[in-house]
Amino acid sequence: MGLFFKTEQRSGPSAGELVQAAQMMRLSPQYVTVTEQVALTHSAVWACSSLYARLISTLPFHAYRQAGGIDTRIIDPQILRQPNGTQPLTSWLSQAVYSLVLRGNVFGLIVSRNNMALPTAVQILHPDLVAATYDWRTDAVTYKVGGVDVDPSMIWHRAINTMPGSPFGMSALTAARQSVGMGVSAQQFGS
């Protein structure tokens, strides 16, 4: 360094620099696996999901029948009063909305039908329990619930953000995975 100071020769980064680099790698968005549970720890994701669920689940739903171009309100069917037979509509809708927002799909098991074979009760299933596959050659969807094959006629399925040629939806989290990962990383770093 100079005439009176000994120069320091370094062959690589110090131990402190290595620890700091490892911490930064662990906290960078590319190393955060954004799952539903991880995403819900991000305050913005939780707030948006919760807002959607609360708003939609509290909307008034009624049944109408159209005759001669005129809509006439009819008595609400069982599926609009207690969609799974025991649960109120608001709770059922909230579960369905969370599933749609976080996974892009909502799956339900049809518990009962009326005399016209229309569902009168549908039990919303946790998306982790359902494995659905699509065969584009036959246009058939097969379902497994908890690893057990289930007749497709017993499954009620709705999707949002569907891609061409697929009956399955894509969640908003899938589209925003990188920015959610950065937000979660920032929260972890702040902690």
N, C-alpha and C. Protein backbone atom coordinates (compact mmCIF):
# COMPACT_ATOMS: atom_id res chain seq x y z
N MET A 1 0.79 -1.18 0.00
CA MET A 1 0.00 0.00 0.00
C MET A 1 0.84 1.26 0.00
N GLY A 2 1.83 1.21 0.73
CA GLY A 2 2.70 2.38 0.77
C GLY A 2 4.01 2.02 1.44
N LEU A 3 4.79 3.02 1.70
CA LEU A 3 6.09 2.80 2.28
C LEU A 3 6.02 2.32 3.72
N PHE A 4 5.04 2.85 4.50
CA PHE A 4 4.96 2.51 5.91
C PHE A 4 3.89 1.48 6.27
N PHE A 5 3.04 1.09 5.30
CA PHE A 5 1.97 0.15 5.59
C PHE A 5 2.15 -1.12 4.77
N LYS A 6 1.83 -2.23 5.40
CA LYS A 6 1.95 -3.52 4.73
C LYS A 6 0.74 -3.70 3.81
N THR A 7 0.97 -4.14 2.60
CA THR A 7 -0.13 -4.38 1.67
C THR A 7 -0.75 -5.74 1.96
N GLU A 8 -2.06 -5.80 1.83
CA GLU A 8 -2.80 -7.03 2.10
C GLU A 8 -3.09 -7.73 0.78
N GLN A 9 -2.74 -8.98 0.71
CA GLN A 9 -3.02 -9.79 -0.46
C GLN A 9 -4.22 -10.67 -0.15
N ARG A 10 -5.29 -10.58 -0.99
CA ARG A 10 -6.47 -11.42 -0.78
C ARG A 10 -6.65 -12.32 -1.97
N SER A 11 -6.94 -13.57 -1.68
CA SER A 11 -7.13 -14.52 -2.77
C SER A 11 -8.60 -14.68 -3.14
N GLY A 12 -9.53 -14.18 -2.34
CA GLY A 12 -10.97 -14.33 -2.60
C GLY A 12 -11.77 -13.53 -1.60
N PRO A 13 -13.07 -13.70 -1.63
CA PRO A 13 -13.92 -12.95 -0.72
C PRO A 13 -13.76 -13.42 0.72
N SER A 14 -14.00 -12.49 1.64
CA SER A 14 -13.89 -12.83 3.05
C SER A 14 -15.10 -13.68 3.47
N ALA A 15 -14.98 -14.25 4.66
CA ALA A 15 -16.08 -15.08 5.18
C ALA A 15 -17.34 -14.23 5.34
N GLY A 16 -17.19 -13.00 5.79
CA GLY A 16 -18.35 -12.11 5.96
C GLY A 16 -19.02 -11.81 4.62
N GLU A 17 -18.22 -11.61 3.58
CA GLU A 17 -18.78 -11.36 2.25
C GLU A 17 -19.53 -12.58 1.72
N LEU A 18 -19.00 -13.77 1.99
CA LEU A 18 -19.68 -15.00 1.56
C LEU A 18 -21.02 -15.17 2.27
N VAL A 19 -21.05 -14.89 3.58
CA VAL A 19 -22.29 -15.00 4.33
C VAL A 19 -23.32 -14.01 3.79
N GLN A 20 -22.86 -12.78 3.54
CA GLN A 20 -23.77 -11.76 3.01
C GLN A 20 -24.31 -12.15 1.63
N ALA A 21 -23.46 -12.70 0.78
CA ALA A 21 -23.90 -13.13 -0.56
C ALA A 21 -24.90 -14.28 -0.46
N ALA A 22 -24.65 -15.21 0.46
CA ALA A 22 -25.57 -16.34 0.63
C ALA A 22 -26.93 -15.85 1.13
N GLN A 23 -26.92 -14.88 2.04
CA GLN A 23 -28.18 -14.34 2.52
C GLN A 23 -28.94 -13.64 1.40
N MET A 24 -28.24 -12.89 0.58
CA MET A 24 -28.89 -12.19 -0.52
C MET A 24 -29.46 -13.18 -1.53
N MET A 25 -28.74 -14.28 -1.78
CA MET A 25 -29.24 -15.29 -2.71
C MET A 25 -30.50 -15.93 -2.14
N ARG A 26 -30.49 -16.20 -0.84
CA ARG A 26 -31.65 -16.82 -0.21
C ARG A 26 -32.86 -15.90 -0.24
N LEU A 27 -32.63 -14.60 -0.19
CA LEU A 27 -33.73 -13.65 -0.13
C LEU A 27 -34.14 -13.10 -1.49
N SER A 28 -33.40 -13.42 -2.53
CA SER A 28 -33.75 -12.86 -3.83
C SER A 28 -34.99 -13.56 -4.38
N PRO A 29 -35.81 -12.85 -5.19
CA PRO A 29 -37.07 -13.40 -5.66
C PRO A 29 -36.94 -14.70 -6.42
N GLN A 30 -35.82 -14.89 -7.11
CA GLN A 30 -35.71 -16.11 -7.90
C GLN A 30 -35.57 -17.35 -7.03
N TYR A 31 -35.29 -17.18 -5.75
CA TYR A 31 -35.14 -18.33 -4.86
C TYR A 31 -36.35 -18.53 -3.95
N VAL A 32 -37.35 -17.65 -4.03
CA VAL A 32 -38.58 -17.81 -3.25
C VAL A 32 -39.56 -18.60 -4.09
N THR A 33 -39.96 -19.75 -3.61
CA THR A 33 -40.97 -20.53 -4.30
C THR A 33 -42.33 -19.99 -3.89
N VAL A 34 -43.04 -19.40 -4.85
CA VAL A 34 -44.31 -18.75 -4.55
C VAL A 34 -45.44 -19.77 -4.65
N THR A 35 -45.84 -20.26 -3.49
CA THR A 35 -46.99 -21.14 -3.39
C THR A 35 -48.17 -20.31 -2.88
N GLU A 36 -49.33 -20.93 -2.82
CA GLU A 36 -50.50 -20.24 -2.29
C GLU A 36 -50.24 -19.75 -0.86
N GLN A 37 -49.65 -20.60 -0.04
CA GLN A 37 -49.41 -20.25 1.37
C GLN A 37 -48.39 -19.12 1.48
N VAL A 38 -47.33 -19.18 0.67
CA VAL A 38 -46.31 -18.12 0.69
C VAL A 38 -46.92 -16.81 0.20
N ALA A 39 -47.69 -16.87 -0.87
CA ALA A 39 -48.30 -15.66 -1.42
C ALA A 39 -49.24 -15.00 -0.42
N LEU A 40 -49.98 -15.80 0.33
CA LEU A 40 -50.92 -15.23 1.29
C LEU A 40 -50.22 -14.53 2.46
N THR A 41 -48.91 -14.77 2.64
CA THR A 41 -48.17 -14.04 3.66
C THR A 41 -47.85 -12.62 3.19
N HIS A 42 -47.98 -12.36 1.91
CA HIS A 42 -47.78 -11.02 1.37
C HIS A 42 -49.06 -10.23 1.61
N SER A 43 -48.94 -9.11 2.27
CA SER A 43 -50.12 -8.36 2.69
C SER A 43 -51.01 -7.94 1.51
N ALA A 44 -50.42 -7.58 0.38
CA ALA A 44 -51.23 -7.16 -0.77
C ALA A 44 -52.02 -8.33 -1.34
N VAL A 45 -51.42 -9.50 -1.41
CA VAL A 45 -52.12 -10.68 -1.92
C VAL A 45 -53.27 -11.05 -0.99
N TRP A 46 -52.99 -11.04 0.31
CA TRP A 46 -54.04 -11.37 1.28
C TRP A 46 -55.18 -10.36 1.19
N ALA A 47 -54.86 -9.08 1.13
CA ALA A 47 -55.88 -8.04 1.09
C ALA A 47 -56.75 -8.16 -0.16
N CYS A 48 -56.13 -8.37 -1.31
CA CYS A 48 -56.89 -8.49 -2.56
C CYS A 48 -57.76 -9.74 -2.57
N SER A 49 -57.20 -10.87 -2.17
CA SER A 49 -57.97 -12.12 -2.14
C SER A 49 -59.14 -12.01 -1.18
N SER A 50 -58.89 -11.45 -0.03
CA SER A 50 -59.93 -11.30 0.97
C SER A 50 -61.02 -10.33 0.49
N LEU A 51 -60.61 -9.25 -0.16
CA LEU A 51 -61.58 -8.28 -0.68
C LEU A 51 -62.48 -8.91 -1.73
N TYR A 52 -61.88 -9.63 -2.67
CA TYR A 52 -62.68 -10.33 -3.69
C TYR A 52 -63.70 -11.27 -3.02
N ALA A 53 -63.20 -12.08 -2.10
CA ALA A 53 -64.07 -13.07 -1.45
C ALA A 53 -65.21 -12.40 -0.69
N ARG A 54 -64.90 -11.34 0.06
CA ARG A 54 -65.94 -10.66 0.83
C ARG A 54 -66.96 -9.98 -0.08
N LEU A 55 -66.48 -9.31 -1.12
CA LEU A 55 -67.39 -8.59 -2.01
C LEU A 55 -68.32 -9.54 -2.76
N ILE A 56 -67.75 -10.57 -3.36
CA ILE A 56 -68.56 -11.48 -4.16
C ILE A 56 -69.49 -12.32 -3.30
N SER A 57 -68.99 -12.74 -2.14
CA SER A 57 -69.83 -13.62 -1.30
C SER A 57 -71.01 -12.89 -0.68
N THR A 58 -70.97 -11.56 -0.62
CA THR A 58 -72.08 -10.82 -0.03
C THR A 58 -73.02 -10.22 -1.08
N LEU A 59 -72.75 -10.47 -2.35
CA LEU A 59 -73.68 -10.01 -3.39
C LEU A 59 -74.99 -10.78 -3.29
N PRO A 60 -76.10 -10.13 -3.59
CA PRO A 60 -77.37 -10.86 -3.58
C PRO A 60 -77.50 -11.71 -4.85
N PHE A 61 -77.79 -12.96 -4.68
CA PHE A 61 -78.00 -13.88 -5.80
C PHE A 61 -79.44 -14.33 -5.78
N HIS A 62 -80.10 -14.30 -6.92
CA HIS A 62 -81.48 -14.74 -7.03
C HIS A 62 -81.65 -15.49 -8.34
N ALA A 63 -82.68 -16.30 -8.40
CA ALA A 63 -82.97 -17.08 -9.60
C ALA A 63 -84.08 -16.40 -10.41
N TYR A 64 -83.91 -16.43 -11.73
CA TYR A 64 -84.89 -15.86 -12.64
C TYR A 64 -85.18 -16.85 -13.75
N ARG A 65 -86.36 -16.77 -14.28
CA ARG A 65 -86.73 -17.60 -15.43
C ARG A 65 -87.19 -16.65 -16.52
N GLN A 66 -86.71 -16.89 -17.74
CA GLN A 66 -87.09 -16.03 -18.85
C GLN A 66 -88.20 -16.69 -19.66
N ALA A 67 -89.28 -15.93 -19.87
CA ALA A 67 -90.40 -16.43 -20.67
C ALA A 67 -90.89 -15.27 -21.53
N GLY A 68 -90.88 -15.46 -22.83
CA GLY A 68 -91.34 -14.42 -23.73
C GLY A 68 -90.51 -13.16 -23.68
N GLY A 69 -89.22 -13.30 -23.41
CA GLY A 69 -88.33 -12.14 -23.34
C GLY A 69 -88.42 -11.37 -22.04
N ILE A 70 -89.16 -11.86 -21.09
CA ILE A 70 -89.32 -11.19 -19.80
C ILE A 70 -88.72 -12.07 -18.70
N ASP A 71 -87.85 -11.46 -17.88
CA ASP A 71 -87.26 -12.17 -16.75
C ASP A 71 -88.19 -12.07 -15.56
N THR A 72 -88.53 -13.20 -14.99
CA THR A 72 -89.39 -13.25 -13.83
C THR A 72 -88.63 -13.93 -12.69
N ARG A 73 -88.59 -13.27 -11.54
CA ARG A 73 -87.90 -13.87 -10.40
C ARG A 73 -88.72 -15.04 -9.88
N ILE A 74 -88.01 -16.13 -9.61
CA ILE A 74 -88.66 -17.33 -9.07
C ILE A 74 -88.12 -17.59 -7.67
N ILE A 75 -88.70 -18.54 -6.99
CA ILE A 75 -88.22 -18.92 -5.67
C ILE A 75 -86.80 -19.46 -5.82
N ASP A 76 -85.89 -18.96 -4.96
CA ASP A 76 -84.50 -19.40 -5.03
C ASP A 76 -84.40 -20.90 -4.82
N PRO A 77 -83.71 -21.60 -5.72
CA PRO A 77 -83.54 -23.04 -5.54
C PRO A 77 -82.62 -23.35 -4.36
N GLN A 78 -82.61 -24.58 -3.96
CA GLN A 78 -81.80 -25.04 -2.83
C GLN A 78 -80.33 -24.64 -3.00
N ILE A 79 -79.81 -24.73 -4.21
CA ILE A 79 -78.38 -24.44 -4.44
C ILE A 79 -78.04 -22.99 -4.13
N LEU A 80 -79.01 -22.08 -4.19
CA LEU A 80 -78.76 -20.69 -3.84
C LEU A 80 -79.03 -20.39 -2.37
N ARG A 81 -79.71 -21.28 -1.68
CA ARG A 81 -79.98 -21.08 -0.26
C ARG A 81 -78.90 -21.73 0.60
N GLN A 82 -78.63 -22.99 0.36
CA GLN A 82 -77.58 -23.72 1.06
C GLN A 82 -76.89 -24.60 0.03
N PRO A 83 -75.85 -24.06 -0.61
CA PRO A 83 -75.25 -24.74 -1.76
C PRO A 83 -74.64 -26.11 -1.48
N ASN A 84 -74.22 -26.37 -0.25
CA ASN A 84 -73.70 -27.71 0.01
C ASN A 84 -74.59 -28.48 0.98
N GLY A 85 -75.77 -27.96 1.23
CA GLY A 85 -76.72 -28.64 2.10
C GLY A 85 -76.69 -28.18 3.54
N THR A 86 -75.55 -27.67 4.01
CA THR A 86 -75.45 -27.23 5.40
C THR A 86 -74.88 -25.83 5.54
N GLN A 87 -74.09 -25.41 4.59
CA GLN A 87 -73.36 -24.15 4.69
C GLN A 87 -74.13 -23.01 4.04
N PRO A 88 -74.10 -21.81 4.63
CA PRO A 88 -74.77 -20.68 3.99
C PRO A 88 -74.06 -20.27 2.69
N LEU A 89 -74.78 -19.62 1.82
CA LEU A 89 -74.26 -19.22 0.51
C LEU A 89 -73.01 -18.35 0.63
N THR A 90 -72.97 -17.44 1.60
CA THR A 90 -71.82 -16.53 1.72
C THR A 90 -70.52 -17.30 1.97
N SER A 91 -70.54 -18.29 2.85
CA SER A 91 -69.34 -19.09 3.13
C SER A 91 -68.94 -19.90 1.91
N TRP A 92 -69.91 -20.50 1.25
CA TRP A 92 -69.66 -21.32 0.07
C TRP A 92 -69.03 -20.48 -1.04
N LEU A 93 -69.61 -19.30 -1.28
CA LEU A 93 -69.08 -18.41 -2.31
C LEU A 93 -67.68 -17.93 -1.97
N SER A 94 -67.44 -17.64 -0.71
CA SER A 94 -66.11 -17.20 -0.28
C SER A 94 -65.07 -18.27 -0.59
N GLN A 95 -65.38 -19.53 -0.29
CA GLN A 95 -64.46 -20.62 -0.60
C GLN A 95 -64.21 -20.74 -2.10
N ALA A 96 -65.28 -20.61 -2.87
CA ALA A 96 -65.15 -20.71 -4.33
C ALA A 96 -64.30 -19.58 -4.88
N VAL A 97 -64.49 -18.38 -4.38
CA VAL A 97 -63.72 -17.22 -4.87
C VAL A 97 -62.25 -17.36 -4.50
N TYR A 98 -61.95 -17.75 -3.26
CA TYR A 98 -60.55 -17.97 -2.89
C TYR A 98 -59.90 -18.99 -3.82
N SER A 99 -60.59 -20.06 -4.10
CA SER A 99 -60.04 -21.09 -4.98
C SER A 99 -59.79 -20.53 -6.38
N LEU A 100 -60.74 -19.77 -6.90
CA LEU A 100 -60.58 -19.18 -8.24
C LEU A 100 -59.43 -18.18 -8.28
N VAL A 101 -59.36 -17.31 -7.28
CA VAL A 101 -58.33 -16.27 -7.27
C VAL A 101 -56.94 -16.88 -7.10
N LEU A 102 -56.81 -17.84 -6.19
CA LEU A 102 -55.49 -18.39 -5.87
C LEU A 102 -55.07 -19.53 -6.78
N ARG A 103 -56.02 -20.23 -7.41
CA ARG A 103 -55.68 -21.38 -8.25
C ARG A 103 -56.20 -21.29 -9.68
N GLY A 104 -57.20 -20.43 -9.92
CA GLY A 104 -57.78 -20.33 -11.26
C GLY A 104 -58.88 -21.33 -11.52
N ASN A 105 -59.10 -22.24 -10.59
CA ASN A 105 -60.12 -23.29 -10.73
C ASN A 105 -60.81 -23.49 -9.40
N VAL A 106 -62.08 -23.84 -9.48
CA VAL A 106 -62.79 -24.28 -8.28
C VAL A 106 -63.43 -25.62 -8.63
N PHE A 107 -63.22 -26.58 -7.74
CA PHE A 107 -63.77 -27.93 -7.93
C PHE A 107 -64.72 -28.22 -6.79
N GLY A 108 -65.83 -28.85 -7.13
CA GLY A 108 -66.79 -29.25 -6.12
C GLY A 108 -67.30 -30.65 -6.39
N LEU A 109 -67.67 -31.32 -5.33
CA LEU A 109 -68.24 -32.65 -5.43
C LEU A 109 -69.76 -32.49 -5.36
N ILE A 110 -70.46 -32.96 -6.39
CA ILE A 110 -71.91 -32.85 -6.42
C ILE A 110 -72.48 -33.87 -5.44
N VAL A 111 -73.14 -33.35 -4.40
CA VAL A 111 -73.65 -34.18 -3.32
C VAL A 111 -75.06 -34.68 -3.62
N SER A 112 -75.87 -33.82 -4.23
CA SER A 112 -77.24 -34.24 -4.56
C SER A 112 -77.72 -33.51 -5.80
N ARG A 113 -78.77 -34.09 -6.43
CA ARG A 113 -79.37 -33.53 -7.64
C ARG A 113 -80.89 -33.53 -7.49
N ASN A 114 -81.53 -32.66 -8.27
CA ASN A 114 -83.00 -32.66 -8.26
C ASN A 114 -83.53 -33.63 -9.31
N ASN A 115 -84.84 -33.66 -9.52
CA ASN A 115 -85.43 -34.62 -10.46
C ASN A 115 -85.09 -34.32 -11.93
N MET A 116 -84.51 -33.12 -12.19
CA MET A 116 -84.06 -32.80 -13.55
C MET A 116 -82.55 -33.01 -13.69
N ALA A 117 -81.94 -33.66 -12.72
CA ALA A 117 -80.51 -33.99 -12.68
C ALA A 117 -79.62 -32.76 -12.52
N LEU A 118 -80.18 -31.64 -12.06
CA LEU A 118 -79.39 -30.44 -11.78
C LEU A 118 -78.87 -30.51 -10.35
N PRO A 119 -77.63 -30.05 -10.11
CA PRO A 119 -77.10 -30.10 -8.74
C PRO A 119 -77.92 -29.26 -7.78
N THR A 120 -78.20 -29.82 -6.62
CA THR A 120 -78.87 -29.08 -5.55
C THR A 120 -77.93 -28.84 -4.38
N ALA A 121 -76.83 -29.58 -4.33
CA ALA A 121 -75.82 -29.37 -3.29
C ALA A 121 -74.45 -29.74 -3.86
N VAL A 122 -73.49 -28.83 -3.67
CA VAL A 122 -72.12 -29.03 -4.15
C VAL A 122 -71.17 -28.70 -3.01
N GLN A 123 -70.32 -29.65 -2.67
CA GLN A 123 -69.32 -29.45 -1.62
C GLN A 123 -68.02 -28.97 -2.27
N ILE A 124 -67.58 -27.74 -1.94
CA ILE A 124 -66.34 -27.21 -2.50
C ILE A 124 -65.17 -28.05 -1.97
N LEU A 125 -64.29 -28.45 -2.87
CA LEU A 125 -63.12 -29.25 -2.50
C LEU A 125 -61.87 -28.38 -2.44
N HIS A 126 -61.00 -28.69 -1.52
CA HIS A 126 -59.71 -27.98 -1.48
C HIS A 126 -58.95 -28.35 -2.75
N PRO A 127 -58.39 -27.36 -3.45
CA PRO A 127 -57.73 -27.67 -4.73
C PRO A 127 -56.56 -28.65 -4.62
N ASP A 128 -55.93 -28.74 -3.45
CA ASP A 128 -54.84 -29.70 -3.29
C ASP A 128 -55.32 -31.14 -3.33
N LEU A 129 -56.61 -31.37 -3.06
CA LEU A 129 -57.15 -32.72 -3.08
C LEU A 129 -57.48 -33.21 -4.49
N VAL A 130 -57.59 -32.27 -5.43
CA VAL A 130 -58.07 -32.61 -6.77
C VAL A 130 -56.92 -32.65 -7.76
N ALA A 131 -56.84 -33.75 -8.50
CA ALA A 131 -55.90 -33.87 -9.62
C ALA A 131 -56.75 -34.07 -10.87
N ALA A 132 -56.68 -33.11 -11.76
CA ALA A 132 -57.49 -33.19 -12.98
C ALA A 132 -56.56 -33.22 -14.19
N THR A 133 -56.88 -34.09 -15.14
CA THR A 133 -56.09 -34.16 -16.37
C THR A 133 -57.03 -34.05 -17.57
N TYR A 134 -56.50 -33.47 -18.63
CA TYR A 134 -57.29 -33.24 -19.84
C TYR A 134 -56.63 -33.95 -21.00
N ASP A 135 -57.41 -34.73 -21.74
CA ASP A 135 -56.93 -35.41 -22.95
C ASP A 135 -57.53 -34.68 -24.15
N TRP A 136 -56.70 -33.92 -24.85
CA TRP A 136 -57.20 -33.11 -25.96
C TRP A 136 -57.68 -33.97 -27.13
N ARG A 137 -57.20 -35.21 -27.23
CA ARG A 137 -57.63 -36.07 -28.35
C ARG A 137 -59.09 -36.49 -28.19
N THR A 138 -59.50 -36.75 -26.96
CA THR A 138 -60.88 -37.19 -26.72
C THR A 138 -61.74 -36.10 -26.08
N ASP A 139 -61.11 -34.98 -25.73
CA ASP A 139 -61.78 -33.87 -25.05
C ASP A 139 -62.38 -34.33 -23.72
N ALA A 140 -61.72 -35.28 -23.08
CA ALA A 140 -62.19 -35.83 -21.80
C ALA A 140 -61.33 -35.32 -20.65
N VAL A 141 -61.99 -35.03 -19.55
CA VAL A 141 -61.31 -34.64 -18.32
C VAL A 141 -61.50 -35.76 -17.30
N THR A 142 -60.41 -36.17 -16.68
CA THR A 142 -60.49 -37.18 -15.62
C THR A 142 -60.11 -36.51 -14.30
N TYR A 143 -60.74 -36.97 -13.24
CA TYR A 143 -60.54 -36.38 -11.91
C TYR A 143 -60.16 -37.45 -10.91
N LYS A 144 -59.24 -37.06 -10.02
CA LYS A 144 -58.92 -37.85 -8.84
C LYS A 144 -59.09 -36.93 -7.65
N VAL A 145 -59.80 -37.39 -6.64
CA VAL A 145 -59.97 -36.63 -5.41
C VAL A 145 -59.33 -37.44 -4.31
N GLY A 146 -58.29 -36.88 -3.72
CA GLY A 146 -57.55 -37.60 -2.68
C GLY A 146 -56.93 -38.88 -3.21
N GLY A 147 -56.57 -38.90 -4.50
CA GLY A 147 -55.95 -40.06 -5.12
C GLY A 147 -56.93 -41.11 -5.61
N VAL A 148 -58.23 -40.87 -5.44
CA VAL A 148 -59.25 -41.83 -5.85
C VAL A 148 -59.94 -41.31 -7.11
N ASP A 149 -60.07 -42.18 -8.13
CA ASP A 149 -60.78 -41.79 -9.35
C ASP A 149 -62.23 -41.47 -9.04
N VAL A 150 -62.72 -40.34 -9.61
CA VAL A 150 -64.10 -39.92 -9.40
C VAL A 150 -64.74 -39.73 -10.78
N ASP A 151 -65.97 -40.20 -10.90
CA ASP A 151 -66.73 -40.04 -12.14
C ASP A 151 -66.85 -38.55 -12.45
N PRO A 152 -66.47 -38.11 -13.66
CA PRO A 152 -66.56 -36.69 -14.01
C PRO A 152 -67.94 -36.09 -13.84
N SER A 153 -69.00 -36.91 -13.92
CA SER A 153 -70.35 -36.37 -13.74
C SER A 153 -70.61 -35.97 -12.29
N MET A 154 -69.72 -36.37 -11.38
CA MET A 154 -69.88 -36.02 -9.96
C MET A 154 -69.09 -34.77 -9.58
N ILE A 155 -68.35 -34.21 -10.55
CA ILE A 155 -67.51 -33.05 -10.27
C ILE A 155 -68.12 -31.80 -10.90
N TRP A 156 -68.17 -30.74 -10.10
CA TRP A 156 -68.60 -29.41 -10.56
C TRP A 156 -67.32 -28.59 -10.67
N HIS A 157 -67.01 -28.06 -11.85
CA HIS A 157 -65.75 -27.35 -12.10
C HIS A 157 -66.02 -26.04 -12.81
N ARG A 158 -65.44 -24.96 -12.29
CA ARG A 158 -65.48 -23.66 -12.94
C ARG A 158 -64.05 -23.13 -12.97
N ALA A 159 -63.74 -22.37 -14.03
CA ALA A 159 -62.38 -21.85 -14.21
C ALA A 159 -62.42 -20.40 -14.66
N ILE A 160 -61.34 -19.67 -14.34
CA ILE A 160 -61.16 -18.31 -14.86
C ILE A 160 -59.82 -18.26 -15.57
N ASN A 161 -59.67 -17.30 -16.44
CA ASN A 161 -58.42 -17.09 -17.19
C ASN A 161 -57.98 -18.36 -17.92
N THR A 162 -58.89 -18.98 -18.66
CA THR A 162 -58.55 -20.21 -19.37
C THR A 162 -57.76 -19.89 -20.64
N MET A 163 -56.83 -20.74 -20.94
CA MET A 163 -56.03 -20.62 -22.16
C MET A 163 -56.72 -21.41 -23.26
N PRO A 164 -56.50 -21.04 -24.51
CA PRO A 164 -57.12 -21.79 -25.61
C PRO A 164 -56.73 -23.26 -25.57
N GLY A 165 -57.73 -24.11 -25.76
CA GLY A 165 -57.49 -25.54 -25.81
C GLY A 165 -57.39 -26.23 -24.46
N SER A 166 -57.69 -25.51 -23.38
CA SER A 166 -57.62 -26.12 -22.05
C SER A 166 -58.85 -25.76 -21.25
N PRO A 167 -59.42 -26.72 -20.53
CA PRO A 167 -60.57 -26.41 -19.68
C PRO A 167 -60.16 -25.84 -18.32
N PHE A 168 -58.85 -25.80 -18.05
CA PHE A 168 -58.36 -25.38 -16.75
C PHE A 168 -57.95 -23.91 -16.76
N GLY A 169 -58.15 -23.27 -15.62
CA GLY A 169 -57.86 -21.85 -15.50
C GLY A 169 -56.47 -21.58 -14.97
N MET A 170 -56.11 -20.31 -15.03
CA MET A 170 -54.82 -19.86 -14.52
C MET A 170 -55.10 -18.78 -13.47
N SER A 171 -54.47 -18.89 -12.34
CA SER A 171 -54.71 -17.92 -11.28
C SER A 171 -53.96 -16.63 -11.54
N ALA A 172 -54.38 -15.58 -10.87
CA ALA A 172 -53.67 -14.31 -10.95
C ALA A 172 -52.28 -14.46 -10.36
N LEU A 173 -52.11 -15.36 -9.39
CA LEU A 173 -50.79 -15.58 -8.79
C LEU A 173 -49.79 -16.13 -9.80
N THR A 174 -50.27 -17.00 -10.69
CA THR A 174 -49.38 -17.55 -11.71
C THR A 174 -48.84 -16.43 -12.60
N ALA A 175 -49.73 -15.51 -12.97
CA ALA A 175 -49.31 -14.41 -13.83
C ALA A 175 -48.40 -13.44 -13.09
N ALA A 176 -48.58 -13.29 -11.80
CA ALA A 176 -47.82 -12.30 -11.03
C ALA A 176 -46.79 -12.95 -10.10
N ARG A 177 -46.39 -14.17 -10.42
CA ARG A 177 -45.50 -14.93 -9.52
C ARG A 177 -44.20 -14.18 -9.21
N GLN A 178 -43.59 -13.56 -10.20
CA GLN A 178 -42.30 -12.90 -9.97
C GLN A 178 -42.46 -11.69 -9.05
N SER A 179 -43.46 -10.86 -9.30
CA SER A 179 -43.61 -9.68 -8.45
C SER A 179 -44.04 -10.06 -7.04
N VAL A 180 -44.85 -11.11 -6.90
CA VAL A 180 -45.22 -11.58 -5.56
C VAL A 180 -43.97 -12.11 -4.85
N GLY A 181 -43.13 -12.82 -5.58
CA GLY A 181 -41.88 -13.32 -5.00
C GLY A 181 -40.97 -12.20 -4.52
N MET A 182 -40.90 -11.13 -5.30
CA MET A 182 -40.09 -9.98 -4.87
C MET A 182 -40.69 -9.34 -3.62
N GLY A 183 -42.01 -9.25 -3.56
CA GLY A 183 -42.65 -8.68 -2.37
C GLY A 183 -42.42 -9.52 -1.13
N VAL A 184 -42.52 -10.84 -1.28
CA VAL A 184 -42.28 -11.74 -0.15
C VAL A 184 -40.81 -11.65 0.27
N SER A 185 -39.91 -11.57 -0.70
CA SER A 185 -38.48 -11.44 -0.38
C SER A 185 -38.21 -10.15 0.38
N ALA A 186 -38.86 -9.07 -0.04
CA ALA A 186 -38.68 -7.79 0.63
C ALA A 186 -39.19 -7.87 2.07
N GLN A 187 -40.33 -8.54 2.27
CA GLN A 187 -40.86 -8.71 3.62
C GLN A 187 -39.90 -9.53 4.47
N GLN A 188 -39.34 -10.61 3.91
CA GLN A 188 -38.40 -11.45 4.65
C GLN A 188 -37.14 -10.66 5.01
N PHE A 189 -36.67 -9.87 4.06
CA PHE A 189 -35.46 -9.07 4.31
C PHE A 189 -35.73 -8.03 5.39
N GLY A 190 -36.91 -7.41 5.34
CA GLY A 190 -37.28 -6.42 6.35
C GLY A 190 -37.40 -7.02 7.74
N SER A 191 -37.82 -8.29 7.79
CA SER A 191 -37.94 -8.95 9.09
C SER A 191 -36.58 -9.21 9.68
